[in-house]
Amino acid sequence: SAALPRPAAALLRMGAKSILSAPVVIAVANTGDLIRHGTDLF
């Protein structure tokens, strides 16, 4: 957050506090599988 402008940095720090406060965090990431298969298919 330190490298970003103040409004974005403040929101990131708020997000970090939520991460610390919660007992568990679930992250969701795209695998890219559809992109790889689809570009060959179409």
PDB file of all heavy atoms in Angstrom:
ATOM      1  N   SER A   1       0.823  -1.220   0.000  1.00  0.00           N
ATOM      2  CA  SER A   1       0.000   0.000   0.000  1.00  0.00           C
ATOM      3  C   SER A   1       0.852   1.263   0.000  1.00  0.00           C
ATOM      4  O   SER A   1       0.427   2.313  -0.482  1.00  0.00           O
ATOM      5  CB  SER A   1      -0.940   0.000   1.217  1.00  0.00           C
ATOM      6  OG  SER A   1      -0.220   0.220   2.421  1.00  0.00           O
ATOM      7  N   ALA A   2       2.069   1.159   0.520  1.00  0.00           N
ATOM      8  CA  ALA A   2       2.924   2.343   0.644  1.00  0.00           C
ATOM      9  C   ALA A   2       3.294   2.939  -0.707  1.00  0.00           C
ATOM     10  O   ALA A   2       3.610   4.130  -0.800  1.00  0.00           O
ATOM     11  CB  ALA A   2       4.188   1.979   1.423  1.00  0.00           C
ATOM     12  N   ALA A   3       3.243   2.136  -1.765  1.00  0.00           N
ATOM     13  CA  ALA A   3       3.648   2.614  -3.092  1.00  0.00           C
ATOM     14  C   ALA A   3       2.496   3.219  -3.881  1.00  0.00           C
ATOM     15  O   ALA A   3       2.713   3.692  -5.005  1.00  0.00           O
ATOM     16  CB  ALA A   3       4.267   1.467  -3.880  1.00  0.00           C
ATOM     17  N   LEU A   4       1.306   3.234  -3.319  1.00  0.00           N
ATOM     18  CA  LEU A   4       0.127   3.695  -4.059  1.00  0.00           C
ATOM     19  C   LEU A   4      -0.372   5.037  -3.531  1.00  0.00           C
ATOM     20  O   LEU A   4      -0.072   5.421  -2.389  1.00  0.00           O
ATOM     21  CB  LEU A   4      -0.979   2.642  -3.956  1.00  0.00           C
ATOM     22  CG  LEU A   4      -0.654   1.310  -4.651  1.00  0.00           C
ATOM     23  CD1 LEU A   4      -1.729   0.271  -4.339  1.00  0.00           C
ATOM     24  CD2 LEU A   4      -0.549   1.503  -6.154  1.00  0.00           C
ATOM     25  N   PRO A   5      -1.134   5.760  -4.341  1.00  0.00           N
ATOM     26  CA  PRO A   5      -1.688   7.037  -3.891  1.00  0.00           C
ATOM     27  C   PRO A   5      -2.550   6.867  -2.643  1.00  0.00           C
ATOM     28  O   PRO A   5      -3.067   5.780  -2.369  1.00  0.00           O
ATOM     29  CB  PRO A   5      -2.537   7.499  -5.085  1.00  0.00           C
ATOM     30  CG  PRO A   5      -1.956   6.785  -6.263  1.00  0.00           C
ATOM     31  CD  PRO A   5      -1.472   5.462  -5.742  1.00  0.00           C
ATOM     32  N   ARG A   6      -2.724   7.957  -1.910  1.00  0.00           N
ATOM     33  CA  ARG A   6      -3.344   7.891  -0.591  1.00  0.00           C
ATOM     34  C   ARG A   6      -4.713   7.213  -0.560  1.00  0.00           C
ATOM     35  O   ARG A   6      -4.930   6.349   0.304  1.00  0.00           O
ATOM     36  CB  ARG A   6      -3.449   9.305   0.002  1.00  0.00           C
ATOM     37  CG  ARG A   6      -4.005   9.327   1.418  1.00  0.00           C
ATOM     38  CD  ARG A   6      -4.010  10.727   1.978  1.00  0.00           C
ATOM     39  NE  ARG A   6      -2.653  11.258   2.078  1.00  0.00           N
ATOM     40  CZ  ARG A   6      -2.382  12.497   2.471  1.00  0.00           C
ATOM     41  NH1 ARG A   6      -3.366  13.331   2.773  1.00  0.00           N
ATOM     42  NH2 ARG A   6      -1.134  12.915   2.550  1.00  0.00           N
ATOM     43  N   PRO A   7      -5.662   7.534  -1.452  1.00  0.00           N
ATOM     44  CA  PRO A   7      -6.978   6.866  -1.352  1.00  0.00           C
ATOM     45  C   PRO A   7      -6.884   5.349  -1.491  1.00  0.00           C
ATOM     46  O   PRO A   7      -7.485   4.602  -0.720  1.00  0.00           O
ATOM     47  CB  PRO A   7      -7.778   7.487  -2.499  1.00  0.00           C
ATOM     48  CG  PRO A   7      -7.112   8.795  -2.774  1.00  0.00           C
ATOM     49  CD  PRO A   7      -5.653   8.552  -2.523  1.00  0.00           C
ATOM     50  N   ALA A   8      -6.112   4.890  -2.481  1.00  0.00           N
ATOM     51  CA  ALA A   8      -5.962   3.444  -2.684  1.00  0.00           C
ATOM     52  C   ALA A   8      -5.203   2.825  -1.516  1.00  0.00           C
ATOM     53  O   ALA A   8      -5.543   1.727  -1.052  1.00  0.00           O
ATOM     54  CB  ALA A   8      -5.232   3.165  -3.994  1.00  0.00           C
ATOM     55  N   ALA A   9      -4.178   3.519  -1.025  1.00  0.00           N
ATOM     56  CA  ALA A   9      -3.389   2.998   0.090  1.00  0.00           C
ATOM     57  C   ALA A   9      -4.253   2.828   1.332  1.00  0.00           C
ATOM     58  O   ALA A   9      -4.141   1.832   2.064  1.00  0.00           O
ATOM     59  CB  ALA A   9      -2.217   3.926   0.377  1.00  0.00           C
ATOM     60  N   ALA A  10      -5.136   3.787   1.573  1.00  0.00           N
ATOM     61  CA  ALA A  10      -6.010   3.704   2.747  1.00  0.00           C
ATOM     62  C   ALA A  10      -6.946   2.508   2.649  1.00  0.00           C
ATOM     63  O   ALA A  10      -7.177   1.798   3.635  1.00  0.00           O
ATOM     64  CB  ALA A  10      -6.813   4.998   2.898  1.00  0.00           C
ATOM     65  N   LEU A  11      -7.484   2.259   1.458  1.00  0.00           N
ATOM     66  CA  LEU A  11      -8.381   1.112   1.272  1.00  0.00           C
ATOM     67  C   LEU A  11      -7.633  -0.207   1.408  1.00  0.00           C
ATOM     68  O   LEU A  11      -8.168  -1.175   1.957  1.00  0.00           O
ATOM     69  CB  LEU A  11      -9.065   1.205  -0.092  1.00  0.00           C
ATOM     70  CG  LEU A  11     -10.126   2.302  -0.234  1.00  0.00           C
ATOM     71  CD1 LEU A  11     -10.607   2.397  -1.674  1.00  0.00           C
ATOM     72  CD2 LEU A  11     -11.302   2.047   0.700  1.00  0.00           C
ATOM     73  N   LEU A  12      -6.405  -0.256   0.920  1.00  0.00           N
ATOM     74  CA  LEU A  12      -5.617  -1.470   1.076  1.00  0.00           C
ATOM     75  C   LEU A  12      -5.308  -1.746   2.547  1.00  0.00           C
ATOM     76  O   LEU A  12      -5.384  -2.892   3.003  1.00  0.00           O
ATOM     77  CB  LEU A  12      -4.322  -1.363   0.273  1.00  0.00           C
ATOM     78  CG  LEU A  12      -4.449  -1.627  -1.227  1.00  0.00           C
ATOM     79  CD1 LEU A  12      -3.155  -1.262  -1.945  1.00  0.00           C
ATOM     80  CD2 LEU A  12      -4.822  -3.073  -1.499  1.00  0.00           C
ATOM     81  N   ARG A  13      -4.967  -0.705   3.292  1.00  0.00           N
ATOM     82  CA  ARG A  13      -4.695  -0.898   4.725  1.00  0.00           C
ATOM     83  C   ARG A  13      -5.952  -1.359   5.458  1.00  0.00           C
ATOM     84  O   ARG A  13      -5.889  -2.192   6.368  1.00  0.00           O
ATOM     85  CB  ARG A  13      -4.131   0.380   5.335  1.00  0.00           C
ATOM     86  CG  ARG A  13      -2.696   0.690   4.896  1.00  0.00           C
ATOM     87  CD  ARG A  13      -2.068   1.760   5.766  1.00  0.00           C
ATOM     88  NE  ARG A  13      -2.742   3.037   5.636  1.00  0.00           N
ATOM     89  CZ  ARG A  13      -2.421   3.965   4.730  1.00  0.00           C
ATOM     90  NH1 ARG A  13      -1.425   3.749   3.878  1.00  0.00           N
ATOM     91  NH2 ARG A  13      -3.081   5.110   4.677  1.00  0.00           N
ATOM     92  N   MET A  14      -7.105  -0.825   5.055  1.00  0.00           N
ATOM     93  CA  MET A  14      -8.368  -1.271   5.635  1.00  0.00           C
ATOM     94  C   MET A  14      -8.594  -2.751   5.320  1.00  0.00           C
ATOM     95  O   MET A  14      -9.037  -3.532   6.172  1.00  0.00           O
ATOM     96  CB  MET A  14      -9.533  -0.436   5.087  1.00  0.00           C
ATOM     97  CG  MET A  14     -10.873  -0.728   5.730  1.00  0.00           C
ATOM     98  SD  MET A  14     -12.230   0.208   4.943  1.00  0.00           S
ATOM     99  CE  MET A  14     -11.623   1.889   5.152  1.00  0.00           C
ATOM    100  N   GLY A  15      -8.267  -3.146   4.074  1.00  0.00           N
ATOM    101  CA  GLY A  15      -8.389  -4.548   3.696  1.00  0.00           C
ATOM    102  C   GLY A  15      -7.477  -5.432   4.520  1.00  0.00           C
ATOM    103  O   GLY A  15      -7.860  -6.536   4.927  1.00  0.00           O
ATOM    104  N   ALA A  16      -6.246  -4.965   4.780  1.00  0.00           N
ATOM    105  CA  ALA A  16      -5.306  -5.738   5.589  1.00  0.00           C
ATOM    106  C   ALA A  16      -5.850  -5.955   6.996  1.00  0.00           C
ATOM    107  O   ALA A  16      -5.690  -7.037   7.579  1.00  0.00           O
ATOM    108  CB  ALA A  16      -3.955  -5.021   5.639  1.00  0.00           C
ATOM    109  N   LYS A  17      -6.498  -4.943   7.545  1.00  0.00           N
ATOM    110  CA  LYS A  17      -7.090  -5.086   8.884  1.00  0.00           C
ATOM    111  C   LYS A  17      -8.203  -6.131   8.881  1.00  0.00           C
ATOM    112  O   LYS A  17      -8.341  -6.898   9.840  1.00  0.00           O
ATOM    113  CB  LYS A  17      -7.624  -3.735   9.360  1.00  0.00           C
ATOM    114  CG  LYS A  17      -6.538  -2.728   9.701  1.00  0.00           C
ATOM    115  CD  LYS A  17      -7.127  -1.395  10.144  1.00  0.00           C
ATOM    116  CE  LYS A  17      -6.035  -0.395  10.485  1.00  0.00           C
ATOM    117  NZ  LYS A  17      -6.601   0.936  10.866  1.00  0.00           N
ATOM    118  N   SER A  18      -8.997  -6.169   7.813  1.00  0.00           N
ATOM    119  CA  SER A  18     -10.058  -7.176   7.721  1.00  0.00           C
ATOM    120  C   SER A  18      -9.459  -8.573   7.631  1.00  0.00           C
ATOM    121  O   SER A  18      -9.975  -9.519   8.233  1.00  0.00           O
ATOM    122  CB  SER A  18     -10.943  -6.900   6.501  1.00  0.00           C
ATOM    123  OG  SER A  18     -11.659  -5.694   6.647  1.00  0.00           O
ATOM    124  N   ILE A  19      -8.381  -8.712   6.869  1.00  0.00           N
ATOM    125  CA  ILE A  19      -7.710 -10.008   6.755  1.00  0.00           C
ATOM    126  C   ILE A  19      -7.213 -10.469   8.122  1.00  0.00           C
ATOM    127  O   ILE A  19      -7.382 -11.631   8.510  1.00  0.00           O
ATOM    128  CB  ILE A  19      -6.551  -9.917   5.742  1.00  0.00           C
ATOM    129  CG1 ILE A  19      -7.101  -9.739   4.322  1.00  0.00           C
ATOM    130  CG2 ILE A  19      -5.655 -11.149   5.818  1.00  0.00           C
ATOM    131  CD1 ILE A  19      -6.049  -9.390   3.292  1.00  0.00           C
ATOM    132  N   LEU A  20      -6.605  -9.556   8.876  1.00  0.00           N
ATOM    133  CA  LEU A  20      -6.104  -9.900  10.207  1.00  0.00           C
ATOM    134  C   LEU A  20      -7.233 -10.246  11.164  1.00  0.00           C
ATOM    135  O   LEU A  20      -7.109 -11.151  12.000  1.00  0.00           O
ATOM    136  CB  LEU A  20      -5.283  -8.746  10.770  1.00  0.00           C
ATOM    137  CG  LEU A  20      -3.853  -8.612  10.275  1.00  0.00           C
ATOM    138  CD1 LEU A  20      -3.232  -7.334  10.823  1.00  0.00           C
ATOM    139  CD2 LEU A  20      -3.022  -9.823  10.661  1.00  0.00           C
ATOM    140  N   SER A  21      -8.340  -9.536  11.054  1.00  0.00           N
ATOM    141  CA  SER A  21      -9.460  -9.720  11.982  1.00  0.00           C
ATOM    142  C   SER A  21     -10.170 -11.044  11.771  1.00  0.00           C
ATOM    143  O   SER A  21     -10.651 -11.660  12.725  1.00  0.00           O
ATOM    144  CB  SER A  21     -10.461  -8.562  11.819  1.00  0.00           C
ATOM    145  OG  SER A  21     -11.616  -8.754  12.607  1.00  0.00           O
ATOM    146  N   ALA A  22     -10.238 -11.511  10.516  1.00  0.00           N
ATOM    147  CA  ALA A  22     -10.991 -12.732  10.198  1.00  0.00           C
ATOM    148  C   ALA A  22     -10.188 -13.977  10.566  1.00  0.00           C
ATOM    149  O   ALA A  22      -8.976 -14.015  10.360  1.00  0.00           O
ATOM    150  CB  ALA A  22     -11.332 -12.761   8.717  1.00  0.00           C
ATOM    151  N   PRO A  23     -10.834 -15.020  11.075  1.00  0.00           N
ATOM    152  CA  PRO A  23     -10.120 -16.257  11.385  1.00  0.00           C
ATOM    153  C   PRO A  23      -9.695 -17.047  10.154  1.00  0.00           C
ATOM    154  O   PRO A  23      -8.767 -17.852  10.214  1.00  0.00           O
ATOM    155  CB  PRO A  23     -11.126 -17.048  12.222  1.00  0.00           C
ATOM    156  CG  PRO A  23     -12.462 -16.496  11.866  1.00  0.00           C
ATOM    157  CD  PRO A  23     -12.233 -15.052  11.543  1.00  0.00           C
ATOM    158  N   VAL A  24     -10.355 -16.817   9.036  1.00  0.00           N
ATOM    159  CA  VAL A  24     -10.004 -17.532   7.801  1.00  0.00           C
ATOM    160  C   VAL A  24     -10.252 -16.612   6.611  1.00  0.00           C
ATOM    161  O   VAL A  24     -11.134 -15.751   6.650  1.00  0.00           O
ATOM    162  CB  VAL A  24     -10.820 -18.850   7.664  1.00  0.00           C
ATOM    163  CG1 VAL A  24     -12.301 -18.563   7.567  1.00  0.00           C
ATOM    164  CG2 VAL A  24     -10.357 -19.662   6.471  1.00  0.00           C
ATOM    165  N   VAL A  25      -9.432 -16.796   5.590  1.00  0.00           N
ATOM    166  CA  VAL A  25      -9.568 -16.031   4.349  1.00  0.00           C
ATOM    167  C   VAL A  25      -9.625 -17.023   3.195  1.00  0.00           C
ATOM    168  O   VAL A  25      -8.846 -17.981   3.145  1.00  0.00           O
ATOM    169  CB  VAL A  25      -8.379 -15.064   4.161  1.00  0.00           C
ATOM    170  CG1 VAL A  25      -8.367 -14.479   2.753  1.00  0.00           C
ATOM    171  CG2 VAL A  25      -8.429 -13.953   5.196  1.00  0.00           C
ATOM    172  N   ILE A  26     -10.553 -16.792   2.281  1.00  0.00           N
ATOM    173  CA  ILE A  26     -10.632 -17.596   1.061  1.00  0.00           C
ATOM    174  C   ILE A  26     -10.282 -16.701  -0.126  1.00  0.00           C
ATOM    175  O   ILE A  26     -10.949 -15.688  -0.357  1.00  0.00           O
ATOM    176  CB  ILE A  26     -12.023 -18.215   0.865  1.00  0.00           C
ATOM    177  CG1 ILE A  26     -12.384 -19.129   2.043  1.00  0.00           C
ATOM    178  CG2 ILE A  26     -12.079 -18.993  -0.451  1.00  0.00           C
ATOM    179  CD1 ILE A  26     -13.791 -19.684   1.988  1.00  0.00           C
ATOM    180  N   ALA A  27      -9.228 -17.068  -0.842  1.00  0.00           N
ATOM    181  CA  ALA A  27      -8.862 -16.349  -2.059  1.00  0.00           C
ATOM    182  C   ALA A  27      -9.352 -17.146  -3.256  1.00  0.00           C
ATOM    183  O   ALA A  27      -9.377 -18.381  -3.238  1.00  0.00           O
ATOM    184  CB  ALA A  27      -7.349 -16.160  -2.131  1.00  0.00           C
ATOM    185  N   VAL A  28      -9.755 -16.433  -4.291  1.00  0.00           N
ATOM    186  CA  VAL A  28     -10.237 -17.063  -5.524  1.00  0.00           C
ATOM    187  C   VAL A  28      -9.404 -16.527  -6.670  1.00  0.00           C
ATOM    188  O   VAL A  28      -9.269 -15.320  -6.845  1.00  0.00           O
ATOM    189  CB  VAL A  28     -11.729 -16.747  -5.770  1.00  0.00           C
ATOM    190  CG1 VAL A  28     -12.223 -17.436  -7.036  1.00  0.00           C
ATOM    191  CG2 VAL A  28     -12.571 -17.159  -4.563  1.00  0.00           C
ATOM    192  N   ALA A  29      -8.814 -17.438  -7.439  1.00  0.00           N
ATOM    193  CA  ALA A  29      -7.976 -17.050  -8.575  1.00  0.00           C
ATOM    194  C   ALA A  29      -8.419 -17.796  -9.819  1.00  0.00           C
ATOM    195  O   ALA A  29      -8.819 -18.961  -9.752  1.00  0.00           O
ATOM    196  CB  ALA A  29      -6.503 -17.352  -8.280  1.00  0.00           C
ATOM    197  N   ASN A  30      -8.329 -17.123 -10.955  1.00  0.00           N
ATOM    198  CA  ASN A  30      -8.564 -17.791 -12.234  1.00  0.00           C
ATOM    199  C   ASN A  30      -7.348 -18.632 -12.602  1.00  0.00           C
ATOM    200  O   ASN A  30      -6.213 -18.226 -12.362  1.00  0.00           O
ATOM    201  CB  ASN A  30      -8.815 -16.775 -13.341  1.00  0.00           C
ATOM    202  CG  ASN A  30     -10.099 -15.999 -13.169  1.00  0.00           C
ATOM    203  OD1 ASN A  30     -10.104 -14.794 -13.335  1.00  0.00           O
ATOM    204  ND2 ASN A  30     -11.177 -16.670 -12.837  1.00  0.00           N
ATOM    205  N   THR A  31      -7.575 -19.790 -13.208  1.00  0.00           N
ATOM    206  CA  THR A  31      -6.461 -20.661 -13.577  1.00  0.00           C
ATOM    207  C   THR A  31      -5.915 -20.365 -14.965  1.00  0.00           C
ATOM    208  O   THR A  31      -4.790 -20.739 -15.282  1.00  0.00           O
ATOM    209  CB  THR A  31      -6.906 -22.135 -13.546  1.00  0.00           C
ATOM    210  OG1 THR A  31      -7.918 -22.326 -14.553  1.00  0.00           O
ATOM    211  CG2 THR A  31      -7.441 -22.524 -12.183  1.00  0.00           C
ATOM    212  N   GLY A  32      -6.734 -19.736 -15.807  1.00  0.00           N
ATOM    213  CA  GLY A  32      -6.322 -19.511 -17.195  1.00  0.00           C
ATOM    214  C   GLY A  32      -6.595 -20.689 -18.103  1.00  0.00           C
ATOM    215  O   GLY A  32      -6.319 -20.623 -19.309  1.00  0.00           O
ATOM    216  N   ASP A  33      -7.156 -21.773 -17.560  1.00  0.00           N
ATOM    217  CA  ASP A  33      -7.401 -22.974 -18.376  1.00  0.00           C
ATOM    218  C   ASP A  33      -8.348 -22.685 -19.536  1.00  0.00           C
ATOM    219  O   ASP A  33      -8.134 -23.153 -20.662  1.00  0.00           O
ATOM    220  CB  ASP A  33      -7.979 -24.098 -17.507  1.00  0.00           C
ATOM    221  CG  ASP A  33      -6.972 -24.648 -16.522  1.00  0.00           C
ATOM    222  OD1 ASP A  33      -5.755 -24.417 -16.719  1.00  0.00           O
ATOM    223  OD2 ASP A  33      -7.387 -25.305 -15.555  1.00  0.00           O
ATOM    224  N   LEU A  34      -9.407 -21.948 -19.264  1.00  0.00           N
ATOM    225  CA  LEU A  34     -10.381 -21.652 -20.310  1.00  0.00           C
ATOM    226  C   LEU A  34      -9.752 -20.803 -21.404  1.00  0.00           C
ATOM    227  O   LEU A  34     -10.024 -21.006 -22.593  1.00  0.00           O
ATOM    228  CB  LEU A  34     -11.598 -20.942 -19.710  1.00  0.00           C
ATOM    229  CG  LEU A  34     -12.716 -20.575 -20.684  1.00  0.00           C
ATOM    230  CD1 LEU A  34     -13.268 -21.803 -21.380  1.00  0.00           C
ATOM    231  CD2 LEU A  34     -13.838 -19.837 -19.953  1.00  0.00           C
ATOM    232  N   ILE A  35      -8.905 -19.855 -21.006  1.00  0.00           N
ATOM    233  CA  ILE A  35      -8.236 -19.020 -22.005  1.00  0.00           C
ATOM    234  C   ILE A  35      -7.368 -19.873 -22.912  1.00  0.00           C
ATOM    235  O   ILE A  35      -7.405 -19.752 -24.147  1.00  0.00           O
ATOM    236  CB  ILE A  35      -7.381 -17.936 -21.313  1.00  0.00           C
ATOM    237  CG1 ILE A  35      -8.273 -16.968 -20.525  1.00  0.00           C
ATOM    238  CG2 ILE A  35      -6.550 -17.163 -22.339  1.00  0.00           C
ATOM    239  CD1 ILE A  35      -7.516 -15.976 -19.671  1.00  0.00           C
ATOM    240  N   ARG A  36      -6.593 -20.773 -22.313  1.00  0.00           N
ATOM    241  CA  ARG A  36      -5.692 -21.609 -23.108  1.00  0.00           C
ATOM    242  C   ARG A  36      -6.457 -22.547 -24.035  1.00  0.00           C
ATOM    243  O   ARG A  36      -6.130 -22.677 -25.214  1.00  0.00           O
ATOM    244  CB  ARG A  36      -4.784 -22.419 -22.183  1.00  0.00           C
ATOM    245  CG  ARG A  36      -3.687 -21.582 -21.529  1.00  0.00           C
ATOM    246  CD  ARG A  36      -2.717 -22.451 -20.760  1.00  0.00           C
ATOM    247  NE  ARG A  36      -3.330 -23.012 -19.563  1.00  0.00           N
ATOM    248  CZ  ARG A  36      -3.376 -22.374 -18.385  1.00  0.00           C
ATOM    249  NH1 ARG A  36      -2.852 -21.168 -18.268  1.00  0.00           N
ATOM    250  NH2 ARG A  36      -3.930 -22.941 -17.332  1.00  0.00           N
ATOM    251  N   HIS A  37      -7.498 -23.204 -23.521  1.00  0.00           N
ATOM    252  CA  HIS A  37      -8.248 -24.144 -24.343  1.00  0.00           C
ATOM    253  C   HIS A  37      -9.101 -23.422 -25.382  1.00  0.00           C
ATOM    254  O   HIS A  37      -9.211 -23.871 -26.520  1.00  0.00           O
ATOM    255  CB  HIS A  37      -9.148 -25.011 -23.463  1.00  0.00           C
ATOM    256  CG  HIS A  37      -8.376 -25.877 -22.507  1.00  0.00           C
ATOM    257  ND1 HIS A  37      -8.920 -26.387 -21.342  1.00  0.00           N
ATOM    258  CD2 HIS A  37      -7.103 -26.320 -22.534  1.00  0.00           C
ATOM    259  CE1 HIS A  37      -8.007 -27.096 -20.713  1.00  0.00           C
ATOM    260  NE2 HIS A  37      -6.899 -27.073 -21.410  1.00  0.00           N
ATOM    261  N   GLY A  38      -9.697 -22.325 -24.966  1.00  0.00           N
ATOM    262  CA  GLY A  38     -10.622 -21.627 -25.850  1.00  0.00           C
ATOM    263  C   GLY A  38      -9.950 -20.991 -27.044  1.00  0.00           C
ATOM    264  O   GLY A  38     -10.484 -21.023 -28.163  1.00  0.00           O
ATOM    265  N   THR A  39      -8.767 -20.427 -26.839  1.00  0.00           N
ATOM    266  CA  THR A  39      -8.093 -19.772 -27.963  1.00  0.00           C
ATOM    267  C   THR A  39      -7.664 -20.774 -29.015  1.00  0.00           C
ATOM    268  O   THR A  39      -7.516 -20.429 -30.194  1.00  0.00           O
ATOM    269  CB  THR A  39      -6.870 -18.967 -27.462  1.00  0.00           C
ATOM    270  OG1 THR A  39      -6.063 -19.811 -26.628  1.00  0.00           O
ATOM    271  CG2 THR A  39      -7.294 -17.743 -26.682  1.00  0.00           C
ATOM    272  N   ASP A  40      -7.464 -22.015 -28.617  1.00  0.00           N
ATOM    273  CA  ASP A  40      -7.165 -23.065 -29.598  1.00  0.00           C
ATOM    274  C   ASP A  40      -8.442 -23.573 -30.269  1.00  0.00           C
ATOM    275  O   ASP A  40      -8.437 -23.959 -31.437  1.00  0.00           O
ATOM    276  CB  ASP A  40      -6.447 -24.233 -28.927  1.00  0.00           C
ATOM    277  CG  ASP A  40      -5.046 -23.860 -28.467  1.00  0.00           C
ATOM    278  OD1 ASP A  40      -4.457 -22.939 -29.056  1.00  0.00           O
ATOM    279  OD2 ASP A  40      -4.553 -24.486 -27.501  1.00  0.00           O
ATOM    280  N   LEU A  41      -9.550 -23.590 -29.517  1.00  0.00           N
ATOM    281  CA  LEU A  41     -10.802 -24.124 -30.019  1.00  0.00           C
ATOM    282  C   LEU A  41     -11.465 -23.200 -31.027  1.00  0.00           C
ATOM    283  O   LEU A  41     -11.954 -23.635 -32.073  1.00  0.00           O
ATOM    284  CB  LEU A  41     -11.752 -24.387 -28.847  1.00  0.00           C
ATOM    285  CG  LEU A  41     -13.144 -24.923 -29.170  1.00  0.00           C
ATOM    286  CD1 LEU A  41     -13.048 -26.317 -29.771  1.00  0.00           C
ATOM    287  CD2 LEU A  41     -14.017 -24.943 -27.912  1.00  0.00           C
ATOM    288  N   PHE A  42     -11.473 -21.901 -30.740  1.00  0.00           N
ATOM    289  CA  PHE A  42     -12.149 -20.935 -31.593  1.00  0.00           C
ATOM    290  C   PHE A  42     -11.194 -20.471 -32.689  1.00  0.00           C
ATOM    291  O   PHE A  42     -10.110 -19.975 -32.410  1.00  0.00           O
ATOM    292  CB  PHE A  42     -12.621 -19.724 -30.768  1.00  0.00           C
ATOM    293  CG  PHE A  42     -13.977 -19.907 -30.145  1.00  0.00           C
ATOM    294  CD1 PHE A  42     -14.281 -21.061 -29.437  1.00  0.00           C
ATOM    295  CD2 PHE A  42     -14.949 -18.931 -30.255  1.00  0.00           C
ATOM    296  CE1 PHE A  42     -15.523 -21.246 -28.867  1.00  0.00           C
ATOM    297  CE2 PHE A  42     -16.195 -19.112 -29.680  1.00  0.00           C
ATOM    298  CZ  PHE A  42     -16.482 -20.262 -28.992  1.00  0.00           C
TER     299      PHE A  42
END
